[in-house]
N, C-alpha and C. Protein backbone atom coordinates (compact mmCIF):
# COMPACT_ATOMS: atom_id res chain seq x y z
N MET A 1 -26.01 15.97 1.55
CA MET A 1 -25.29 16.28 0.34
C MET A 1 -25.08 17.78 0.29
N GLU A 2 -23.88 18.16 -0.01
CA GLU A 2 -23.53 19.56 -0.03
C GLU A 2 -24.32 20.30 -1.11
N GLY A 3 -24.83 21.47 -0.73
CA GLY A 3 -25.56 22.31 -1.66
C GLY A 3 -27.05 21.99 -1.78
N TYR A 4 -27.51 20.94 -1.12
CA TYR A 4 -28.93 20.57 -1.22
C TYR A 4 -29.74 20.91 0.02
N GLY A 5 -29.11 21.23 1.15
CA GLY A 5 -29.83 21.63 2.34
C GLY A 5 -30.48 20.49 3.10
N PHE A 6 -30.13 19.28 2.79
CA PHE A 6 -30.67 18.14 3.55
C PHE A 6 -29.64 17.03 3.57
N HIS A 7 -29.81 16.13 4.49
CA HIS A 7 -28.89 14.99 4.53
C HIS A 7 -29.68 13.72 4.22
N LEU A 8 -28.98 12.74 3.75
CA LEU A 8 -29.61 11.48 3.39
C LEU A 8 -29.54 10.51 4.55
N HIS A 9 -30.57 9.71 4.70
CA HIS A 9 -30.58 8.66 5.71
C HIS A 9 -31.41 7.51 5.15
N ASN A 10 -31.45 6.40 5.84
CA ASN A 10 -32.15 5.24 5.31
C ASN A 10 -33.57 5.09 5.84
N ARG A 11 -34.10 6.11 6.49
CA ARG A 11 -35.45 6.00 7.04
C ARG A 11 -36.52 6.01 5.95
N GLY A 12 -36.18 6.39 4.73
CA GLY A 12 -37.13 6.30 3.62
C GLY A 12 -37.53 4.85 3.36
N GLY A 13 -36.71 3.90 3.82
CA GLY A 13 -37.03 2.49 3.68
C GLY A 13 -38.22 2.09 4.52
N LEU A 14 -38.73 2.99 5.36
CA LEU A 14 -39.85 2.65 6.22
C LEU A 14 -41.21 2.93 5.58
N PHE A 15 -41.22 3.35 4.32
CA PHE A 15 -42.49 3.47 3.61
C PHE A 15 -43.09 2.09 3.40
N ALA A 16 -44.42 2.04 3.30
CA ALA A 16 -45.11 0.79 2.97
C ALA A 16 -45.43 0.81 1.48
N PHE A 17 -45.41 -0.35 0.84
CA PHE A 17 -45.71 -0.42 -0.59
C PHE A 17 -47.18 -0.68 -0.88
N ASP A 18 -47.98 -0.86 0.15
CA ASP A 18 -49.43 -1.01 0.00
C ASP A 18 -50.01 0.40 -0.18
N PRO A 19 -50.61 0.72 -1.33
CA PRO A 19 -51.09 2.08 -1.58
C PRO A 19 -52.20 2.53 -0.62
N ASP A 20 -52.85 1.59 0.06
CA ASP A 20 -53.92 1.95 1.00
C ASP A 20 -53.41 2.14 2.43
N HIS A 21 -52.13 1.89 2.66
CA HIS A 21 -51.55 2.02 3.99
C HIS A 21 -51.32 3.50 4.31
N PRO A 22 -51.53 3.95 5.56
CA PRO A 22 -51.28 5.36 5.90
C PRO A 22 -49.84 5.81 5.65
N ASN A 23 -48.92 4.87 5.62
CA ASN A 23 -47.51 5.20 5.42
C ASN A 23 -47.06 4.78 4.01
N ALA A 24 -47.98 4.87 3.05
CA ALA A 24 -47.71 4.44 1.68
C ALA A 24 -46.69 5.35 1.01
N LEU A 25 -45.85 4.74 0.17
CA LEU A 25 -44.89 5.50 -0.63
C LEU A 25 -45.65 6.30 -1.67
N ALA A 26 -45.52 7.63 -1.61
CA ALA A 26 -46.25 8.50 -2.52
C ALA A 26 -45.54 9.86 -2.60
N PRO A 27 -45.80 10.62 -3.67
CA PRO A 27 -45.17 11.94 -3.79
C PRO A 27 -45.54 12.85 -2.62
N ARG A 28 -44.61 13.70 -2.24
CA ARG A 28 -44.78 14.71 -1.19
C ARG A 28 -45.15 14.13 0.17
N LYS A 29 -44.78 12.90 0.41
CA LYS A 29 -45.02 12.30 1.73
C LYS A 29 -43.70 12.05 2.42
N ARG A 30 -43.74 12.07 3.71
CA ARG A 30 -42.57 11.73 4.52
C ARG A 30 -42.83 10.36 5.14
N PRO A 31 -41.81 9.55 5.25
CA PRO A 31 -42.03 8.25 5.89
C PRO A 31 -42.21 8.42 7.39
N PHE A 32 -42.98 7.53 7.97
CA PHE A 32 -43.02 7.47 9.42
C PHE A 32 -41.62 7.07 9.86
N HIS A 33 -41.05 7.82 10.73
CA HIS A 33 -39.72 7.44 11.24
C HIS A 33 -39.63 7.83 12.71
N THR A 34 -38.59 7.39 13.32
CA THR A 34 -38.47 7.57 14.76
C THR A 34 -37.25 8.39 15.15
N ILE A 35 -36.85 9.29 14.31
CA ILE A 35 -35.76 10.21 14.66
C ILE A 35 -36.43 11.47 15.18
N ILE A 36 -36.75 11.47 16.47
CA ILE A 36 -37.57 12.57 16.95
C ILE A 36 -37.08 13.15 18.28
N PRO A 37 -35.90 13.73 18.34
CA PRO A 37 -35.58 14.48 19.55
C PRO A 37 -36.53 15.67 19.61
N ALA A 38 -36.80 16.16 20.78
CA ALA A 38 -37.82 17.20 20.90
C ALA A 38 -37.37 18.35 21.79
N LEU A 39 -37.96 19.49 21.57
CA LEU A 39 -37.73 20.68 22.38
C LEU A 39 -39.08 21.26 22.77
N MET A 40 -39.16 21.76 23.99
CA MET A 40 -40.35 22.48 24.40
C MET A 40 -39.90 23.68 25.23
N GLU A 41 -40.68 24.76 25.17
CA GLU A 41 -40.28 25.98 25.87
C GLU A 41 -41.53 26.72 26.32
N ARG A 42 -41.43 27.27 27.54
CA ARG A 42 -42.53 28.09 28.06
C ARG A 42 -42.01 28.90 29.24
N ASP A 43 -42.26 30.18 29.22
CA ASP A 43 -41.94 31.07 30.34
C ASP A 43 -40.50 30.92 30.85
N GLY A 44 -39.55 30.86 29.96
CA GLY A 44 -38.15 30.78 30.35
C GLY A 44 -37.65 29.38 30.71
N ILE A 45 -38.52 28.39 30.60
CA ILE A 45 -38.13 27.00 30.84
C ILE A 45 -37.95 26.35 29.47
N ARG A 46 -36.78 25.80 29.24
CA ARG A 46 -36.48 25.11 27.97
C ARG A 46 -36.13 23.66 28.27
N ILE A 47 -36.79 22.75 27.57
CA ILE A 47 -36.55 21.33 27.79
C ILE A 47 -36.22 20.67 26.47
N GLY A 48 -35.10 19.98 26.45
CA GLY A 48 -34.73 19.13 25.31
C GLY A 48 -34.82 17.69 25.79
N PHE A 49 -35.45 16.83 24.99
CA PHE A 49 -35.60 15.44 25.43
C PHE A 49 -35.69 14.50 24.25
N GLY A 50 -35.48 13.25 24.53
CA GLY A 50 -35.62 12.21 23.53
C GLY A 50 -35.89 10.89 24.22
N ILE A 51 -36.85 10.16 23.71
CA ILE A 51 -37.18 8.85 24.25
C ILE A 51 -37.13 7.86 23.10
N MET A 52 -36.23 6.91 23.20
CA MET A 52 -36.05 5.95 22.12
C MET A 52 -37.08 4.84 22.23
N GLY A 53 -37.23 4.08 21.15
CA GLY A 53 -38.13 2.94 21.23
C GLY A 53 -38.98 2.70 20.01
N GLY A 54 -38.50 2.99 18.81
CA GLY A 54 -39.23 2.64 17.60
C GLY A 54 -40.62 3.26 17.54
N LEU A 55 -41.63 2.44 17.24
CA LEU A 55 -43.01 2.94 17.13
C LEU A 55 -43.49 3.58 18.42
N ASN A 56 -42.87 3.25 19.52
CA ASN A 56 -43.26 3.81 20.81
C ASN A 56 -42.82 5.26 20.98
N GLN A 57 -41.85 5.74 20.20
CA GLN A 57 -41.27 7.05 20.48
C GLN A 57 -42.28 8.18 20.51
N ALA A 58 -43.09 8.30 19.50
CA ALA A 58 -44.06 9.41 19.48
C ALA A 58 -45.03 9.31 20.65
N GLN A 59 -45.43 8.09 20.99
CA GLN A 59 -46.34 7.89 22.11
C GLN A 59 -45.67 8.26 23.44
N ALA A 60 -44.41 7.84 23.61
CA ALA A 60 -43.68 8.15 24.84
C ALA A 60 -43.44 9.65 24.96
N HIS A 61 -43.14 10.31 23.83
CA HIS A 61 -42.96 11.76 23.85
C HIS A 61 -44.25 12.45 24.30
N ALA A 62 -45.38 12.03 23.75
CA ALA A 62 -46.66 12.64 24.13
C ALA A 62 -46.95 12.43 25.61
N GLN A 63 -46.64 11.25 26.12
CA GLN A 63 -46.87 10.98 27.54
C GLN A 63 -45.94 11.82 28.41
N PHE A 64 -44.68 11.98 27.99
CA PHE A 64 -43.72 12.81 28.71
C PHE A 64 -44.21 14.26 28.77
N VAL A 65 -44.61 14.81 27.63
CA VAL A 65 -45.11 16.19 27.58
C VAL A 65 -46.35 16.34 28.46
N SER A 66 -47.27 15.41 28.37
CA SER A 66 -48.48 15.47 29.20
C SER A 66 -48.14 15.42 30.69
N ASN A 67 -47.18 14.60 31.05
CA ASN A 67 -46.80 14.51 32.46
C ASN A 67 -46.28 15.85 32.98
N ILE A 68 -45.58 16.58 32.14
CA ILE A 68 -45.05 17.89 32.54
C ILE A 68 -46.14 18.96 32.50
N VAL A 69 -46.80 19.07 31.36
CA VAL A 69 -47.76 20.16 31.14
C VAL A 69 -49.07 19.94 31.91
N ASP A 70 -49.62 18.75 31.82
CA ASP A 70 -50.93 18.48 32.42
C ASP A 70 -50.86 18.07 33.89
N HIS A 71 -49.76 17.42 34.28
CA HIS A 71 -49.68 16.86 35.63
C HIS A 71 -48.62 17.52 36.50
N GLY A 72 -47.90 18.52 35.96
CA GLY A 72 -46.96 19.30 36.76
C GLY A 72 -45.75 18.54 37.27
N MET A 73 -45.38 17.45 36.60
CA MET A 73 -44.22 16.68 37.04
C MET A 73 -42.92 17.37 36.63
N ASN A 74 -41.85 17.10 37.39
CA ASN A 74 -40.53 17.53 36.94
C ASN A 74 -40.04 16.53 35.90
N ILE A 75 -38.91 16.82 35.26
CA ILE A 75 -38.50 15.96 34.14
C ILE A 75 -38.15 14.55 34.58
N GLN A 76 -37.57 14.38 35.77
CA GLN A 76 -37.25 13.03 36.23
C GLN A 76 -38.52 12.23 36.50
N ALA A 77 -39.48 12.83 37.18
CA ALA A 77 -40.74 12.14 37.45
C ALA A 77 -41.48 11.81 36.15
N ALA A 78 -41.43 12.74 35.18
CA ALA A 78 -42.09 12.51 33.90
C ALA A 78 -41.46 11.34 33.15
N LEU A 79 -40.14 11.19 33.25
CA LEU A 79 -39.47 10.06 32.61
C LEU A 79 -39.77 8.74 33.32
N GLU A 80 -39.96 8.79 34.63
CA GLU A 80 -40.20 7.58 35.42
C GLU A 80 -41.66 7.14 35.44
N ALA A 81 -42.57 8.03 35.13
CA ALA A 81 -44.01 7.73 35.25
C ALA A 81 -44.37 6.48 34.43
N PRO A 82 -45.34 5.70 34.91
CA PRO A 82 -45.76 4.51 34.16
C PRO A 82 -46.26 4.88 32.77
N ARG A 83 -46.01 4.00 31.81
CA ARG A 83 -46.39 4.27 30.42
C ARG A 83 -47.14 3.10 29.81
N PHE A 84 -47.71 3.41 28.65
CA PHE A 84 -48.34 2.39 27.81
C PHE A 84 -47.82 2.58 26.40
N THR A 85 -48.00 1.59 25.55
CA THR A 85 -47.61 1.74 24.15
C THR A 85 -48.44 0.82 23.27
N LYS A 86 -48.55 1.18 22.03
CA LYS A 86 -49.23 0.40 21.00
C LYS A 86 -48.23 0.26 19.86
N LEU A 87 -47.84 -0.96 19.54
CA LEU A 87 -46.74 -1.16 18.59
C LEU A 87 -47.18 -1.47 17.17
N ASP A 88 -48.46 -1.32 16.88
CA ASP A 88 -48.92 -1.45 15.49
C ASP A 88 -50.17 -0.59 15.32
N PHE A 89 -50.72 -0.60 14.13
CA PHE A 89 -51.84 0.28 13.83
C PHE A 89 -53.18 -0.44 13.84
N THR A 90 -53.22 -1.68 14.28
CA THR A 90 -54.47 -2.45 14.25
C THR A 90 -54.76 -3.04 15.62
N GLY A 91 -56.00 -3.48 15.81
CA GLY A 91 -56.37 -4.20 17.02
C GLY A 91 -56.55 -3.33 18.25
N CYS A 92 -56.90 -3.98 19.33
CA CYS A 92 -57.17 -3.30 20.60
C CYS A 92 -56.14 -3.64 21.66
N ASP A 93 -55.05 -4.29 21.27
CA ASP A 93 -54.02 -4.68 22.23
C ASP A 93 -53.18 -3.46 22.61
N VAL A 94 -52.86 -3.36 23.89
CA VAL A 94 -52.06 -2.26 24.41
C VAL A 94 -51.07 -2.85 25.43
N MET A 95 -49.79 -2.52 25.25
CA MET A 95 -48.79 -2.90 26.25
C MET A 95 -48.82 -1.84 27.34
N ILE A 96 -48.78 -2.29 28.58
CA ILE A 96 -48.93 -1.36 29.70
C ILE A 96 -48.03 -1.80 30.85
N GLU A 97 -47.42 -0.83 31.51
CA GLU A 97 -46.57 -1.17 32.64
C GLU A 97 -47.41 -1.53 33.86
N ALA A 98 -46.91 -2.47 34.65
CA ALA A 98 -47.65 -3.00 35.79
C ALA A 98 -47.91 -1.95 36.87
N ARG A 99 -47.14 -0.86 36.87
CA ARG A 99 -47.32 0.17 37.91
C ARG A 99 -48.58 1.00 37.72
N LEU A 100 -49.21 0.92 36.55
CA LEU A 100 -50.47 1.66 36.38
C LEU A 100 -51.51 1.06 37.32
N PRO A 101 -52.26 1.89 38.01
CA PRO A 101 -53.22 1.38 39.00
C PRO A 101 -54.22 0.39 38.39
N GLN A 102 -54.64 -0.54 39.20
CA GLN A 102 -55.61 -1.53 38.76
C GLN A 102 -56.88 -0.87 38.25
N SER A 103 -57.30 0.24 38.86
CA SER A 103 -58.52 0.92 38.43
C SER A 103 -58.38 1.42 36.98
N VAL A 104 -57.18 1.88 36.60
CA VAL A 104 -56.94 2.33 35.23
C VAL A 104 -56.99 1.14 34.29
N ARG A 105 -56.35 0.04 34.69
CA ARG A 105 -56.36 -1.16 33.85
C ARG A 105 -57.79 -1.68 33.66
N ASP A 106 -58.57 -1.68 34.74
CA ASP A 106 -59.96 -2.14 34.63
C ASP A 106 -60.77 -1.24 33.70
N ALA A 107 -60.56 0.07 33.78
CA ALA A 107 -61.28 1.01 32.90
C ALA A 107 -60.92 0.78 31.44
N LEU A 108 -59.64 0.50 31.17
CA LEU A 108 -59.21 0.21 29.80
C LEU A 108 -59.85 -1.08 29.29
N LYS A 109 -59.88 -2.10 30.13
CA LYS A 109 -60.52 -3.37 29.75
C LYS A 109 -62.01 -3.16 29.48
N ASP A 110 -62.66 -2.34 30.30
CA ASP A 110 -64.08 -2.05 30.11
C ASP A 110 -64.34 -1.36 28.77
N LYS A 111 -63.35 -0.65 28.24
CA LYS A 111 -63.49 0.02 26.94
C LYS A 111 -63.13 -0.90 25.78
N GLY A 112 -62.74 -2.16 26.09
CA GLY A 112 -62.46 -3.12 25.04
C GLY A 112 -60.99 -3.34 24.72
N HIS A 113 -60.10 -2.75 25.50
CA HIS A 113 -58.67 -2.94 25.25
C HIS A 113 -58.21 -4.29 25.80
N TRP A 114 -57.28 -4.90 25.11
CA TRP A 114 -56.62 -6.12 25.57
C TRP A 114 -55.26 -5.71 26.10
N LEU A 115 -55.04 -5.92 27.37
CA LEU A 115 -53.82 -5.42 28.00
C LEU A 115 -52.74 -6.49 28.03
N ASP A 116 -51.57 -6.10 27.56
CA ASP A 116 -50.38 -6.94 27.63
C ASP A 116 -49.54 -6.34 28.76
N LEU A 117 -49.69 -6.89 29.97
CA LEU A 117 -49.05 -6.35 31.15
C LEU A 117 -47.55 -6.63 31.13
N GLN A 118 -46.76 -5.57 31.25
CA GLN A 118 -45.30 -5.66 31.26
C GLN A 118 -44.79 -5.42 32.68
N GLY A 119 -43.49 -5.46 32.85
CA GLY A 119 -42.89 -5.20 34.16
C GLY A 119 -43.07 -3.75 34.59
N ASP A 120 -42.56 -3.44 35.77
CA ASP A 120 -42.73 -2.08 36.30
C ASP A 120 -42.06 -1.02 35.44
N PHE A 121 -40.87 -1.31 34.92
CA PHE A 121 -40.14 -0.38 34.05
C PHE A 121 -39.74 -1.14 32.80
N SER A 122 -40.65 -1.25 31.86
CA SER A 122 -40.44 -2.07 30.67
C SER A 122 -39.64 -1.34 29.60
N GLY A 123 -38.65 -2.03 29.04
CA GLY A 123 -37.88 -1.47 27.93
C GLY A 123 -38.74 -1.20 26.71
N TRP A 124 -39.87 -1.89 26.59
CA TRP A 124 -40.79 -1.64 25.46
C TRP A 124 -41.32 -0.21 25.47
N MET A 125 -41.31 0.42 26.63
CA MET A 125 -41.86 1.77 26.76
C MET A 125 -40.83 2.84 26.42
N GLY A 126 -39.61 2.41 26.13
CA GLY A 126 -38.57 3.34 25.71
C GLY A 126 -37.92 4.07 26.85
N GLY A 127 -36.60 4.09 26.83
CA GLY A 127 -35.85 4.87 27.80
C GLY A 127 -35.47 6.20 27.18
N GLY A 128 -35.27 7.18 28.00
CA GLY A 128 -34.93 8.49 27.46
C GLY A 128 -34.22 9.36 28.47
N GLN A 129 -33.80 10.50 27.99
CA GLN A 129 -33.15 11.49 28.82
C GLN A 129 -33.76 12.86 28.52
N ALA A 130 -33.61 13.76 29.47
CA ALA A 130 -34.11 15.12 29.29
C ALA A 130 -33.18 16.09 30.01
N VAL A 131 -33.06 17.27 29.44
CA VAL A 131 -32.35 18.37 30.10
C VAL A 131 -33.28 19.57 30.13
N LEU A 132 -33.18 20.35 31.19
CA LEU A 132 -34.03 21.52 31.36
C LEU A 132 -33.15 22.69 31.72
N ARG A 133 -33.41 23.83 31.10
CA ARG A 133 -32.71 25.08 31.42
C ARG A 133 -33.75 26.07 31.91
N ASP A 134 -33.60 26.52 33.15
CA ASP A 134 -34.44 27.58 33.70
C ASP A 134 -33.67 28.87 33.47
N THR A 135 -34.08 29.63 32.45
CA THR A 135 -33.31 30.82 32.07
C THR A 135 -33.42 31.93 33.11
N LYS A 136 -34.52 31.97 33.87
CA LYS A 136 -34.66 33.01 34.89
C LYS A 136 -33.76 32.73 36.09
N ALA A 137 -33.73 31.49 36.54
CA ALA A 137 -32.90 31.12 37.69
C ALA A 137 -31.47 30.80 37.28
N LYS A 138 -31.25 30.68 35.97
CA LYS A 138 -29.93 30.30 35.44
C LYS A 138 -29.45 28.96 36.01
N LEU A 139 -30.38 27.99 36.03
CA LEU A 139 -30.08 26.66 36.52
C LEU A 139 -30.37 25.62 35.45
N ASN A 140 -29.60 24.55 35.48
CA ASN A 140 -29.81 23.42 34.58
C ASN A 140 -30.21 22.20 35.39
N TYR A 141 -31.08 21.39 34.80
CA TYR A 141 -31.52 20.14 35.42
C TYR A 141 -31.43 19.05 34.37
N ALA A 142 -31.35 17.81 34.83
CA ALA A 142 -31.33 16.69 33.89
C ALA A 142 -32.05 15.51 34.52
N GLY A 143 -32.56 14.63 33.66
CA GLY A 143 -33.21 13.42 34.12
C GLY A 143 -32.90 12.28 33.17
N SER A 144 -32.98 11.06 33.69
CA SER A 144 -32.72 9.88 32.88
C SER A 144 -33.68 8.77 33.29
N SER A 145 -34.25 8.12 32.30
CA SER A 145 -35.21 7.06 32.55
C SER A 145 -34.52 5.82 33.10
N PRO A 146 -35.14 5.15 34.07
CA PRO A 146 -34.57 3.90 34.58
C PRO A 146 -34.78 2.71 33.63
N ARG A 147 -35.45 2.92 32.51
CA ARG A 147 -35.72 1.82 31.58
C ARG A 147 -34.52 1.45 30.71
N LYS A 148 -33.53 2.32 30.63
CA LYS A 148 -32.34 2.08 29.81
C LYS A 148 -31.11 2.58 30.57
N ASP A 149 -29.94 2.24 30.04
CA ASP A 149 -28.72 2.79 30.63
C ASP A 149 -28.71 4.29 30.43
N GLY A 150 -28.21 4.99 31.38
CA GLY A 150 -28.11 6.44 31.28
C GLY A 150 -28.06 7.03 32.67
N ALA A 151 -27.65 8.26 32.76
CA ALA A 151 -27.57 8.94 34.05
C ALA A 151 -27.63 10.44 33.83
N ALA A 152 -28.19 11.12 34.79
CA ALA A 152 -28.16 12.58 34.79
C ALA A 152 -26.98 12.98 35.65
N VAL A 153 -25.93 13.49 35.03
CA VAL A 153 -24.70 13.84 35.73
C VAL A 153 -24.62 15.35 35.84
N PRO A 154 -24.48 15.88 37.06
CA PRO A 154 -24.45 17.34 37.21
C PRO A 154 -23.17 17.93 36.63
N GLU A 155 -23.31 19.14 36.12
CA GLU A 155 -22.12 19.85 35.66
C GLU A 155 -21.43 20.47 36.87
N PRO A 156 -20.12 20.55 36.84
CA PRO A 156 -19.42 21.12 38.01
C PRO A 156 -19.67 22.62 38.10
N ASP A 157 -19.73 23.10 39.33
CA ASP A 157 -19.86 24.53 39.57
C ASP A 157 -18.55 25.19 39.17
N ALA A 158 -18.63 26.36 38.59
CA ALA A 158 -17.42 27.07 38.15
C ALA A 158 -16.49 27.36 39.33
N TYR A 159 -17.02 27.45 40.53
CA TYR A 159 -16.21 27.70 41.71
C TYR A 159 -15.28 26.53 41.99
N PHE A 160 -15.74 25.32 41.66
CA PHE A 160 -14.94 24.12 41.86
C PHE A 160 -14.46 23.64 40.50
N PRO A 161 -13.21 23.96 40.16
CA PRO A 161 -12.74 23.60 38.82
C PRO A 161 -12.66 22.09 38.63
N THR A 162 -12.88 21.67 37.40
CA THR A 162 -12.73 20.26 37.06
C THR A 162 -11.25 19.89 37.12
N PRO A 163 -10.91 18.62 37.24
CA PRO A 163 -9.49 18.24 37.25
C PRO A 163 -8.76 18.72 36.00
N GLN A 164 -9.45 18.70 34.85
CA GLN A 164 -8.81 19.16 33.61
C GLN A 164 -8.49 20.64 33.69
N ALA A 165 -9.43 21.44 34.21
CA ALA A 165 -9.21 22.88 34.31
C ALA A 165 -8.09 23.18 35.31
N ALA A 166 -8.04 22.41 36.40
CA ALA A 166 -6.97 22.62 37.39
C ALA A 166 -5.61 22.32 36.78
N ARG A 167 -5.52 21.27 35.98
CA ARG A 167 -4.24 20.93 35.32
C ARG A 167 -3.83 22.05 34.35
N ARG A 168 -4.80 22.55 33.58
CA ARG A 168 -4.48 23.63 32.64
C ARG A 168 -3.99 24.87 33.38
N LYS A 169 -4.61 25.15 34.53
CA LYS A 169 -4.22 26.34 35.30
C LYS A 169 -2.80 26.21 35.84
N ARG A 170 -2.39 24.97 36.23
CA ARG A 170 -1.03 24.75 36.74
C ARG A 170 0.01 24.83 35.63
N GLN A 171 -0.36 24.59 34.41
CA GLN A 171 0.62 24.56 33.32
C GLN A 171 1.01 25.90 32.88
């Protein structure tokens, strides 16, 4: 709305009406929602990314960041890495991709988790895309998860004009 500094959306409908619920409708609270594109930056590396998937989004974002920061993966590898998700706030059930090593699955079971084994690249884990700008090298990179439709398409080098630019130059 003009003059108010914010826009309206329907994610406020995601509040719970149970006053004891963590996402209860109350003054000065924000609803849990899944509109969460993200940015991260360090030492001239800038990454913009988003992983869709409802309740899985925050979990997938955390796993993506950990894959880059803690495990040194590039953005494509971080998007492709096996994931897990928890789609509610109760119980010990965890959805997990089959590519996670058996030793990891056994350790989770030993801790009391009930594993719901999914395919190698499960849509439940959310698909996403990422772009990276290396400001020192002046290079751009992109990645796309194989869990959803999408592609990382390179931008043309300025030396090789696009067909549109070539047409404009001839005119």
